[in-house]
Amino acid sequence: MEKLYTTLNKLFESNLNFNELLTRICETLKKEVEHYDWVGFYFKNGNKKELKLKAFAGLPTDHEIIPFGKGICGQVAESHQNFIVDNVHAQDNYIACNINVKSEIVIPLFYNEENIGQIDIDSNTLNAFTKADEELLTYVNKKVSNYIKAKNTYPIFN
């Protein structure tokens, strides 16, 4: 896991633009963590009460826009809390992106104490996520927030 943190830190130190950085983070996490089958970043879509997919690695999804409150991502947009789902089929509010997905973790991304987005990970394995995953993804989001501050590149959509 230490090697993964080092690899991620090098991405943040590189001269990638924001979109490239997010894509590389997604690709790195998907490649390096065996149980990460889909990795994506969603951000608040301007003043709308919805999330918009900004970058991902894995199979394409039809869920590029997610209304607040809908699905796990939409719930996190409203609750501002980490959400780990051991079995997505046991969740009433789950949005099926892929029939193979069995568990999901969503970690909100804060900028100046405002929830502006999230990282969303799907796994094709039941009970895939642990405290270590939660800590890793919280760390990634904190680094993304710091990057936004340092580069003054707040991701606004319209």
C-alpha atoms as a PDB file:
ATOM      1  CA  MET A   1       0.000   0.000   0.000  1.00  0.00           C
ATOM      2  CA  GLU A   2       2.945   2.325   0.665  1.00  0.00           C
ATOM      3  CA  LYS A   3       3.995   2.028  -2.995  1.00  0.00           C
ATOM      4  CA  LEU A   4       0.487   3.122  -4.069  1.00  0.00           C
ATOM      5  CA  TYR A   5       0.659   6.237  -1.868  1.00  0.00           C
ATOM      6  CA  THR A   6       4.061   7.061  -3.394  1.00  0.00           C
ATOM      7  CA  THR A   7       2.703   6.614  -6.930  1.00  0.00           C
ATOM      8  CA  LEU A   8      -0.297   8.816  -6.175  1.00  0.00           C
ATOM      9  CA  ASN A   9       1.879  11.509  -4.597  1.00  0.00           C
ATOM     10  CA  LYS A  10       4.013  11.600  -7.746  1.00  0.00           C
ATOM     11  CA  LEU A  11       0.876  12.218  -9.806  1.00  0.00           C
ATOM     12  CA  PHE A  12       0.011  15.213  -7.632  1.00  0.00           C
ATOM     13  CA  GLU A  13       3.545  16.558  -8.027  1.00  0.00           C
ATOM     14  CA  SER A  14       3.459  16.242 -11.822  1.00  0.00           C
ATOM     15  CA  ASN A  15       2.432  18.964 -14.258  1.00  0.00           C
ATOM     16  CA  LEU A  16      -0.816  17.290 -15.283  1.00  0.00           C
ATOM     17  CA  ASN A  17      -3.864  19.477 -15.780  1.00  0.00           C
ATOM     18  CA  PHE A  18      -6.871  18.787 -13.566  1.00  0.00           C
ATOM     19  CA  ASN A  19      -8.711  16.485 -15.970  1.00  0.00           C
ATOM     20  CA  GLU A  20      -5.556  14.490 -16.732  1.00  0.00           C
ATOM     21  CA  LEU A  21      -4.774  14.214 -13.020  1.00  0.00           C
ATOM     22  CA  LEU A  22      -8.213  12.859 -12.162  1.00  0.00           C
ATOM     23  CA  THR A  23      -8.082  10.365 -15.027  1.00  0.00           C
ATOM     24  CA  ARG A  24      -4.615   9.158 -14.000  1.00  0.00           C
ATOM     25  CA  ILE A  25      -5.737   8.772 -10.384  1.00  0.00           C
ATOM     26  CA  CYS A  26      -8.689   6.655 -11.535  1.00  0.00           C
ATOM     27  CA  GLU A  27      -6.494   4.531 -13.788  1.00  0.00           C
ATOM     28  CA  THR A  28      -3.849   4.068 -11.087  1.00  0.00           C
ATOM     29  CA  LEU A  29      -6.334   3.034  -8.412  1.00  0.00           C
ATOM     30  CA  LYS A  30      -8.118   0.617 -10.760  1.00  0.00           C
ATOM     31  CA  LYS A  31      -4.839  -0.952 -11.854  1.00  0.00           C
ATOM     32  CA  GLU A  32      -3.148  -1.141  -8.461  1.00  0.00           C
ATOM     33  CA  VAL A  33      -6.030  -2.211  -6.211  1.00  0.00           C
ATOM     34  CA  GLU A  34      -7.288  -5.624  -7.268  1.00  0.00           C
ATOM     35  CA  HIS A  35     -10.835  -5.188  -5.968  1.00  0.00           C
ATOM     36  CA  TYR A  36     -11.384  -1.771  -7.629  1.00  0.00           C
ATOM     37  CA  ASP A  37     -13.297  -2.569 -10.812  1.00  0.00           C
ATOM     38  CA  TRP A  38     -14.597   0.941 -11.556  1.00  0.00           C
ATOM     39  CA  VAL A  39     -13.203   4.220 -10.219  1.00  0.00           C
ATOM     40  CA  GLY A  40     -14.721   7.635 -10.877  1.00  0.00           C
ATOM     41  CA  PHE A  41     -14.909  11.224  -9.727  1.00  0.00           C
ATOM     42  CA  TYR A  42     -18.237  13.036  -9.680  1.00  0.00           C
ATOM     43  CA  PHE A  43     -18.537  16.768  -9.005  1.00  0.00           C
ATOM     44  CA  LYS A  44     -21.441  19.043  -8.181  1.00  0.00           C
ATOM     45  CA  ASN A  45     -22.878  20.361 -11.440  1.00  0.00           C
ATOM     46  CA  GLY A  46     -22.863  24.148 -10.952  1.00  0.00           C
ATOM     47  CA  ASN A  47     -25.840  25.247  -8.838  1.00  0.00           C
ATOM     48  CA  LYS A  48     -27.883  22.219  -9.829  1.00  0.00           C
ATOM     49  CA  LYS A  49     -28.696  19.549  -7.266  1.00  0.00           C
ATOM     50  CA  GLU A  50     -26.884  16.902  -9.286  1.00  0.00           C
ATOM     51  CA  LEU A  51     -23.482  15.332  -9.762  1.00  0.00           C
ATOM     52  CA  LYS A  52     -21.644  15.136 -13.060  1.00  0.00           C
ATOM     53  CA  LEU A  53     -19.046  12.509 -13.926  1.00  0.00           C
ATOM     54  CA  LYS A  54     -15.670  14.180 -14.480  1.00  0.00           C
ATOM     55  CA  ALA A  55     -13.251  11.240 -14.867  1.00  0.00           C
ATOM     56  CA  PHE A  56     -13.338   7.454 -14.565  1.00  0.00           C
ATOM     57  CA  ALA A  57     -11.537   4.184 -15.264  1.00  0.00           C
ATOM     58  CA  GLY A  58     -13.479   1.018 -16.026  1.00  0.00           C
ATOM     59  CA  LEU A  59     -16.483   0.184 -18.130  1.00  0.00           C
ATOM     60  CA  PRO A  60     -18.436   3.180 -19.468  1.00  0.00           C
ATOM     61  CA  THR A  61     -21.525   4.135 -17.477  1.00  0.00           C
ATOM     62  CA  ASP A  62     -24.865   5.609 -18.467  1.00  0.00           C
ATOM     63  CA  HIS A  63     -24.876   7.443 -15.115  1.00  0.00           C
ATOM     64  CA  GLU A  64     -22.972  10.586 -16.077  1.00  0.00           C
ATOM     65  CA  ILE A  65     -25.497  12.769 -14.216  1.00  0.00           C
ATOM     66  CA  ILE A  66     -26.807  11.694 -10.795  1.00  0.00           C
ATOM     67  CA  PRO A  67     -29.463  13.728  -8.945  1.00  0.00           C
ATOM     68  CA  PHE A  68     -28.810  14.436  -5.271  1.00  0.00           C
ATOM     69  CA  GLY A  69     -30.481  11.769  -3.159  1.00  0.00           C
ATOM     70  CA  LYS A  70     -30.510   9.129  -5.910  1.00  0.00           C
ATOM     71  CA  GLY A  71     -28.248   6.115  -5.525  1.00  0.00           C
ATOM     72  CA  ILE A  72     -25.289   5.883  -3.171  1.00  0.00           C
ATOM     73  CA  CYS A  73     -23.535   8.851  -4.813  1.00  0.00           C
ATOM     74  CA  GLY A  74     -26.638  10.997  -4.545  1.00  0.00           C
ATOM     75  CA  GLN A  75     -27.024  10.062  -0.881  1.00  0.00           C
ATOM     76  CA  VAL A  76     -23.417  11.054  -0.143  1.00  0.00           C
ATOM     77  CA  ALA A  77     -24.010  14.386  -1.910  1.00  0.00           C
ATOM     78  CA  GLU A  78     -26.697  15.086   0.711  1.00  0.00           C
ATOM     79  CA  SER A  79     -25.288  13.358   3.800  1.00  0.00           C
ATOM     80  CA  HIS A  80     -21.646  14.487   3.381  1.00  0.00           C
ATOM     81  CA  GLN A  81     -20.628  11.146   4.944  1.00  0.00           C
ATOM     82  CA  ASN A  82     -18.491   8.255   3.730  1.00  0.00           C
ATOM     83  CA  PHE A  83     -20.674   5.365   2.574  1.00  0.00           C
ATOM     84  CA  ILE A  84     -19.548   1.750   2.286  1.00  0.00           C
ATOM     85  CA  VAL A  85     -21.988  -0.763   0.826  1.00  0.00           C
ATOM     86  CA  ASP A  86     -21.001  -4.388   1.365  1.00  0.00           C
ATOM     87  CA  ASN A  87     -23.786  -5.712  -0.879  1.00  0.00           C
ATOM     88  CA  VAL A  88     -25.348  -3.273  -3.359  1.00  0.00           C
ATOM     89  CA  HIS A  89     -28.273  -5.623  -3.947  1.00  0.00           C
ATOM     90  CA  ALA A  90     -29.350  -5.104  -0.330  1.00  0.00           C
ATOM     91  CA  GLN A  91     -29.645  -1.314  -0.887  1.00  0.00           C
ATOM     92  CA  ASP A  92     -33.038   0.044  -1.875  1.00  0.00           C
ATOM     93  CA  ASN A  93     -31.577   3.226  -3.373  1.00  0.00           C
ATOM     94  CA  TYR A  94     -28.773   1.613  -5.403  1.00  0.00           C
ATOM     95  CA  ILE A  95     -28.402   2.610  -9.077  1.00  0.00           C
ATOM     96  CA  ALA A  96     -27.180  -0.409 -11.056  1.00  0.00           C
ATOM     97  CA  CYS A  97     -24.296   0.579 -13.315  1.00  0.00           C
ATOM     98  CA  ASN A  98     -23.081  -2.899 -14.132  1.00  0.00           C
ATOM     99  CA  ILE A  99     -24.654  -6.277 -13.336  1.00  0.00           C
ATOM    100  CA  ASN A 100     -21.314  -7.527 -11.953  1.00  0.00           C
ATOM    101  CA  VAL A 101     -21.011  -4.869  -9.228  1.00  0.00           C
ATOM    102  CA  LYS A 102     -21.454  -6.272  -5.750  1.00  0.00           C
ATOM    103  CA  SER A 103     -20.113  -3.569  -3.419  1.00  0.00           C
ATOM    104  CA  GLU A 104     -19.410   0.155  -3.496  1.00  0.00           C
ATOM    105  CA  ILE A 105     -17.607   2.851  -1.548  1.00  0.00           C
ATOM    106  CA  VAL A 106     -18.225   6.578  -1.960  1.00  0.00           C
ATOM    107  CA  ILE A 107     -16.131   9.231  -0.199  1.00  0.00           C
ATOM    108  CA  PRO A 108     -17.135  12.913  -0.338  1.00  0.00           C
ATOM    109  CA  LEU A 109     -14.626  15.485  -1.546  1.00  0.00           C
ATOM    110  CA  PHE A 110     -14.545  18.756   0.381  1.00  0.00           C
ATOM    111  CA  TYR A 111     -13.215  22.123  -0.770  1.00  0.00           C
ATOM    112  CA  ASN A 112     -13.265  24.914   1.820  1.00  0.00           C
ATOM    113  CA  GLU A 113     -15.533  22.689   3.934  1.00  0.00           C
ATOM    114  CA  GLU A 114     -18.085  22.370   1.103  1.00  0.00           C
ATOM    115  CA  ASN A 115     -18.930  18.962  -0.357  1.00  0.00           C
ATOM    116  CA  ILE A 116     -18.137  19.573  -4.053  1.00  0.00           C
ATOM    117  CA  GLY A 117     -17.916  15.986  -5.261  1.00  0.00           C
ATOM    118  CA  GLN A 118     -16.812  12.474  -4.498  1.00  0.00           C
ATOM    119  CA  ILE A 119     -14.781   9.501  -5.486  1.00  0.00           C
ATOM    120  CA  ASP A 120     -16.868   6.419  -6.255  1.00  0.00           C
ATOM    121  CA  ILE A 121     -15.472   2.883  -6.401  1.00  0.00           C
ATOM    122  CA  ASP A 122     -17.379  -0.205  -7.532  1.00  0.00           C
ATOM    123  CA  SER A 123     -16.183  -3.724  -6.898  1.00  0.00           C
ATOM    124  CA  ASN A 124     -17.312  -7.008  -8.377  1.00  0.00           C
ATOM    125  CA  THR A 125     -16.557  -8.591  -4.973  1.00  0.00           C
ATOM    126  CA  LEU A 126     -18.930  -8.708  -1.994  1.00  0.00           C
ATOM    127  CA  ASN A 127     -17.668  -6.991   1.174  1.00  0.00           C
ATOM    128  CA  ALA A 128     -14.705  -5.631  -0.775  1.00  0.00           C
ATOM    129  CA  PHE A 129     -13.951  -2.481   1.190  1.00  0.00           C
ATOM    130  CA  THR A 130     -12.135  -2.029   4.491  1.00  0.00           C
ATOM    131  CA  LYS A 131     -11.025   0.834   6.707  1.00  0.00           C
ATOM    132  CA  ALA A 132      -7.787   0.901   4.653  1.00  0.00           C
ATOM    133  CA  ASP A 133      -9.797   1.674   1.495  1.00  0.00           C
ATOM    134  CA  GLU A 134     -11.698   4.403   3.312  1.00  0.00           C
ATOM    135  CA  GLU A 135      -8.431   5.946   4.548  1.00  0.00           C
ATOM    136  CA  LEU A 136      -6.805   5.739   1.102  1.00  0.00           C
ATOM    137  CA  LEU A 137      -9.733   7.394  -0.670  1.00  0.00           C
ATOM    138  CA  THR A 138     -10.086  10.079   2.010  1.00  0.00           C
ATOM    139  CA  TYR A 139      -6.383  10.807   1.521  1.00  0.00           C
ATOM    140  CA  VAL A 140      -6.826  11.007  -2.277  1.00  0.00           C
ATOM    141  CA  ASN A 141      -9.741  13.423  -1.908  1.00  0.00           C
ATOM    142  CA  LYS A 142      -7.766  15.625   0.481  1.00  0.00           C
ATOM    143  CA  LYS A 143      -4.925  15.747  -2.061  1.00  0.00           C
ATOM    144  CA  VAL A 144      -7.397  16.610  -4.855  1.00  0.00           C
ATOM    145  CA  SER A 145      -8.812  19.424  -2.702  1.00  0.00           C
ATOM    146  CA  ASN A 146      -5.316  20.742  -2.003  1.00  0.00           C
ATOM    147  CA  TYR A 147      -4.540  20.589  -5.742  1.00  0.00           C
ATOM    148  CA  ILE A 148      -7.685  22.609  -6.506  1.00  0.00           C
ATOM    149  CA  LYS A 149      -6.624  25.230  -3.940  1.00  0.00           C
ATOM    150  CA  ALA A 150      -3.015  25.370  -5.151  1.00  0.00           C
ATOM    151  CA  LYS A 151      -3.915  25.589  -8.836  1.00  0.00           C
ATOM    152  CA  ASN A 152      -7.103  27.623  -8.347  1.00  0.00           C
ATOM    153  CA  THR A 153      -8.908  25.173 -10.623  1.00  0.00           C
ATOM    154  CA  TYR A 154     -12.310  24.726  -9.020  1.00  0.00           C
ATOM    155  CA  PRO A 155     -14.292  22.253 -11.182  1.00  0.00           C
ATOM    156  CA  ILE A 156     -17.482  24.066 -12.101  1.00  0.00           C
ATOM    157  CA  PHE A 157     -19.904  22.618 -14.623  1.00  0.00           C
ATOM    158  CA  ASN A 158     -22.899  24.137 -16.323  1.00  0.00           C
END
